[in-house]
Amino acid sequence: MSYPFELALRQYIAAFDGTNNISPAEFQTRFDNLYHQYFTFLPKDEKAMGEDGFTTIKSKEPLTREEVFEREASKLADGTKVTLIHFRKIGLDCMDIKLRL
């Protein structure tokens, strides 16, 4: 099961080579192959130290698949370069992935 995911991930990362020489349609195809149609991104909550010395937690709203695509397309257009550092299967359906931006 990990092989199709790994292949889709490697093809997606290959688009971020810093040259921005991939068509928008090809980028959309690679994005669709990697992300499930009901994908949502849950960002980490922010912890902020208030002036009173108390820590407050600010919850961030989840991002929809379309919002994630817009962010990724923006990074591609800016010429962001992504390098896969390691890809390891650490469980039945769990992968450990490290990327360099």
C-alpha atoms as a PDB file:
ATOM      1  CA  MET A   1       0.000   0.000   0.000  1.00  0.00           C
ATOM      2  CA  SER A   2       2.866   2.410   0.622  1.00  0.00           C
ATOM      3  CA  TYR A   3       4.276   2.094  -2.895  1.00  0.00           C
ATOM      4  CA  PRO A   4       1.516   4.099  -4.665  1.00  0.00           C
ATOM      5  CA  PHE A   5       1.686   6.756  -1.935  1.00  0.00           C
ATOM      6  CA  GLU A   6       5.478   6.943  -2.089  1.00  0.00           C
ATOM      7  CA  LEU A   7       5.395   7.207  -5.883  1.00  0.00           C
ATOM      8  CA  ALA A   8       2.756   9.974  -5.744  1.00  0.00           C
ATOM      9  CA  LEU A   9       4.757  11.814  -3.054  1.00  0.00           C
ATOM     10  CA  ARG A  10       8.012  11.618  -5.007  1.00  0.00           C
ATOM     11  CA  GLN A  11       6.312  12.849  -8.199  1.00  0.00           C
ATOM     12  CA  TYR A  12       4.702  15.710  -6.279  1.00  0.00           C
ATOM     13  CA  ILE A  13       7.994  16.713  -4.656  1.00  0.00           C
ATOM     14  CA  ALA A  14       9.729  16.582  -8.046  1.00  0.00           C
ATOM     15  CA  ALA A  15       7.519  19.510  -9.128  1.00  0.00           C
ATOM     16  CA  PHE A  16       9.195  21.662  -6.459  1.00  0.00           C
ATOM     17  CA  ASP A  17      12.632  21.752  -8.058  1.00  0.00           C
ATOM     18  CA  GLY A  18      12.865  25.541  -7.999  1.00  0.00           C
ATOM     19  CA  THR A  19      12.368  25.984 -11.749  1.00  0.00           C
ATOM     20  CA  ASN A  20       8.543  26.164 -11.939  1.00  0.00           C
ATOM     21  CA  ASN A  21       8.575  24.361 -15.297  1.00  0.00           C
ATOM     22  CA  ILE A  22       5.427  22.283 -14.743  1.00  0.00           C
ATOM     23  CA  SER A  23       2.041  23.133 -16.226  1.00  0.00           C
ATOM     24  CA  PRO A  24      -0.824  24.009 -13.862  1.00  0.00           C
ATOM     25  CA  ALA A  25      -2.783  20.998 -15.158  1.00  0.00           C
ATOM     26  CA  GLU A  26       0.116  18.631 -14.409  1.00  0.00           C
ATOM     27  CA  PHE A  27       0.535  20.145 -10.944  1.00  0.00           C
ATOM     28  CA  GLN A  28      -3.199  19.697 -10.288  1.00  0.00           C
ATOM     29  CA  THR A  29      -2.926  16.035 -11.347  1.00  0.00           C
ATOM     30  CA  ARG A  30       0.006  15.415  -9.007  1.00  0.00           C
ATOM     31  CA  PHE A  31      -1.838  17.161  -6.164  1.00  0.00           C
ATOM     32  CA  ASP A  32      -4.947  15.045  -6.816  1.00  0.00           C
ATOM     33  CA  ASN A  33      -2.875  11.845  -6.810  1.00  0.00           C
ATOM     34  CA  LEU A  34      -1.357  12.702  -3.437  1.00  0.00           C
ATOM     35  CA  TYR A  35      -4.243  14.238  -1.493  1.00  0.00           C
ATOM     36  CA  HIS A  36      -7.570  12.496  -0.833  1.00  0.00           C
ATOM     37  CA  GLN A  37     -10.662  14.317  -2.117  1.00  0.00           C
ATOM     38  CA  TYR A  38     -11.887  14.902   1.472  1.00  0.00           C
ATOM     39  CA  PHE A  39      -8.479  15.969   2.818  1.00  0.00           C
ATOM     40  CA  THR A  40      -8.357  18.725   5.450  1.00  0.00           C
ATOM     41  CA  PHE A  41      -5.225  20.140   7.041  1.00  0.00           C
ATOM     42  CA  LEU A  42      -5.273  20.685  10.789  1.00  0.00           C
ATOM     43  CA  PRO A  43      -2.541  23.193  11.732  1.00  0.00           C
ATOM     44  CA  LYS A  44      -0.987  23.128  15.178  1.00  0.00           C
ATOM     45  CA  ASP A  45      -2.474  25.461  17.758  1.00  0.00           C
ATOM     46  CA  GLU A  46      -0.414  28.528  18.615  1.00  0.00           C
ATOM     47  CA  LYS A  47       0.806  29.043  22.157  1.00  0.00           C
ATOM     48  CA  ALA A  48       1.361  32.656  23.118  1.00  0.00           C
ATOM     49  CA  MET A  49       2.639  34.118  26.370  1.00  0.00           C
ATOM     50  CA  GLY A  50       0.417  36.961  27.514  1.00  0.00           C
ATOM     51  CA  GLU A  51       1.590  40.097  29.281  1.00  0.00           C
ATOM     52  CA  ASP A  52       0.145  38.682  32.478  1.00  0.00           C
ATOM     53  CA  GLY A  53       2.491  35.682  32.244  1.00  0.00           C
ATOM     54  CA  PHE A  54      -0.208  33.191  31.345  1.00  0.00           C
ATOM     55  CA  THR A  55       0.032  31.009  28.287  1.00  0.00           C
ATOM     56  CA  THR A  56      -2.915  31.205  25.944  1.00  0.00           C
ATOM     57  CA  ILE A  57      -3.657  28.783  23.146  1.00  0.00           C
ATOM     58  CA  LYS A  58      -5.039  30.126  19.899  1.00  0.00           C
ATOM     59  CA  SER A  59      -6.769  27.479  17.827  1.00  0.00           C
ATOM     60  CA  LYS A  60      -6.274  27.726  14.100  1.00  0.00           C
ATOM     61  CA  GLU A  61      -9.028  26.848  11.690  1.00  0.00           C
ATOM     62  CA  PRO A  62      -8.589  23.730   9.535  1.00  0.00           C
ATOM     63  CA  LEU A  63      -7.732  24.325   5.888  1.00  0.00           C
ATOM     64  CA  THR A  64      -9.813  22.789   3.139  1.00  0.00           C
ATOM     65  CA  ARG A  65      -8.269  20.840   0.292  1.00  0.00           C
ATOM     66  CA  GLU A  66      -8.750  23.845  -2.022  1.00  0.00           C
ATOM     67  CA  GLU A  67      -6.973  26.174   0.428  1.00  0.00           C
ATOM     68  CA  VAL A  68      -4.079  23.731   0.701  1.00  0.00           C
ATOM     69  CA  PHE A  69      -3.886  23.564  -3.101  1.00  0.00           C
ATOM     70  CA  GLU A  70      -3.790  27.374  -3.344  1.00  0.00           C
ATOM     71  CA  ARG A  71      -0.952  27.541  -0.804  1.00  0.00           C
ATOM     72  CA  GLU A  72       1.016  24.794  -2.535  1.00  0.00           C
ATOM     73  CA  ALA A  73       0.473  26.369  -5.974  1.00  0.00           C
ATOM     74  CA  SER A  74       1.730  29.668  -4.552  1.00  0.00           C
ATOM     75  CA  LYS A  75       4.861  27.959  -3.225  1.00  0.00           C
ATOM     76  CA  LEU A  76       5.406  26.368  -6.635  1.00  0.00           C
ATOM     77  CA  ALA A  77       5.002  29.718  -8.385  1.00  0.00           C
ATOM     78  CA  ASP A  78       7.520  31.299  -5.983  1.00  0.00           C
ATOM     79  CA  GLY A  79      10.106  28.709  -7.038  1.00  0.00           C
ATOM     80  CA  THR A  80      10.230  26.860  -3.727  1.00  0.00           C
ATOM     81  CA  LYS A  81      12.615  23.920  -3.752  1.00  0.00           C
ATOM     82  CA  VAL A  82      11.687  20.812  -1.742  1.00  0.00           C
ATOM     83  CA  THR A  83      14.034  17.931  -0.992  1.00  0.00           C
ATOM     84  CA  LEU A  84      12.958  14.595   0.440  1.00  0.00           C
ATOM     85  CA  ILE A  85      15.303  13.811   3.339  1.00  0.00           C
ATOM     86  CA  HIS A  86      13.841  10.451   4.316  1.00  0.00           C
ATOM     87  CA  PHE A  87      10.777   8.299   3.826  1.00  0.00           C
ATOM     88  CA  ARG A  88      10.227   5.415   6.239  1.00  0.00           C
ATOM     89  CA  LYS A  89       7.301   3.155   6.921  1.00  0.00           C
ATOM     90  CA  ILE A  90       6.908   3.084  10.714  1.00  0.00           C
ATOM     91  CA  GLY A  91       3.564   1.322  11.035  1.00  0.00           C
ATOM     92  CA  LEU A  92       0.884  -0.427   9.089  1.00  0.00           C
ATOM     93  CA  ASP A  93      -0.491   2.808   7.593  1.00  0.00           C
ATOM     94  CA  CYS A  94       1.963   5.315   9.047  1.00  0.00           C
ATOM     95  CA  MET A  95       4.896   6.976   7.283  1.00  0.00           C
ATOM     96  CA  ASP A  96       7.714   9.096   8.689  1.00  0.00           C
ATOM     97  CA  ILE A  97       8.562  11.752   6.128  1.00  0.00           C
ATOM     98  CA  LYS A  98      11.111  14.515   6.457  1.00  0.00           C
ATOM     99  CA  LEU A  99      11.314  17.313   3.893  1.00  0.00           C
ATOM    100  CA  ARG A 100      13.656  20.268   3.454  1.00  0.00           C
ATOM    101  CA  LEU A 101      12.235  23.526   2.110  1.00  0.00           C
END
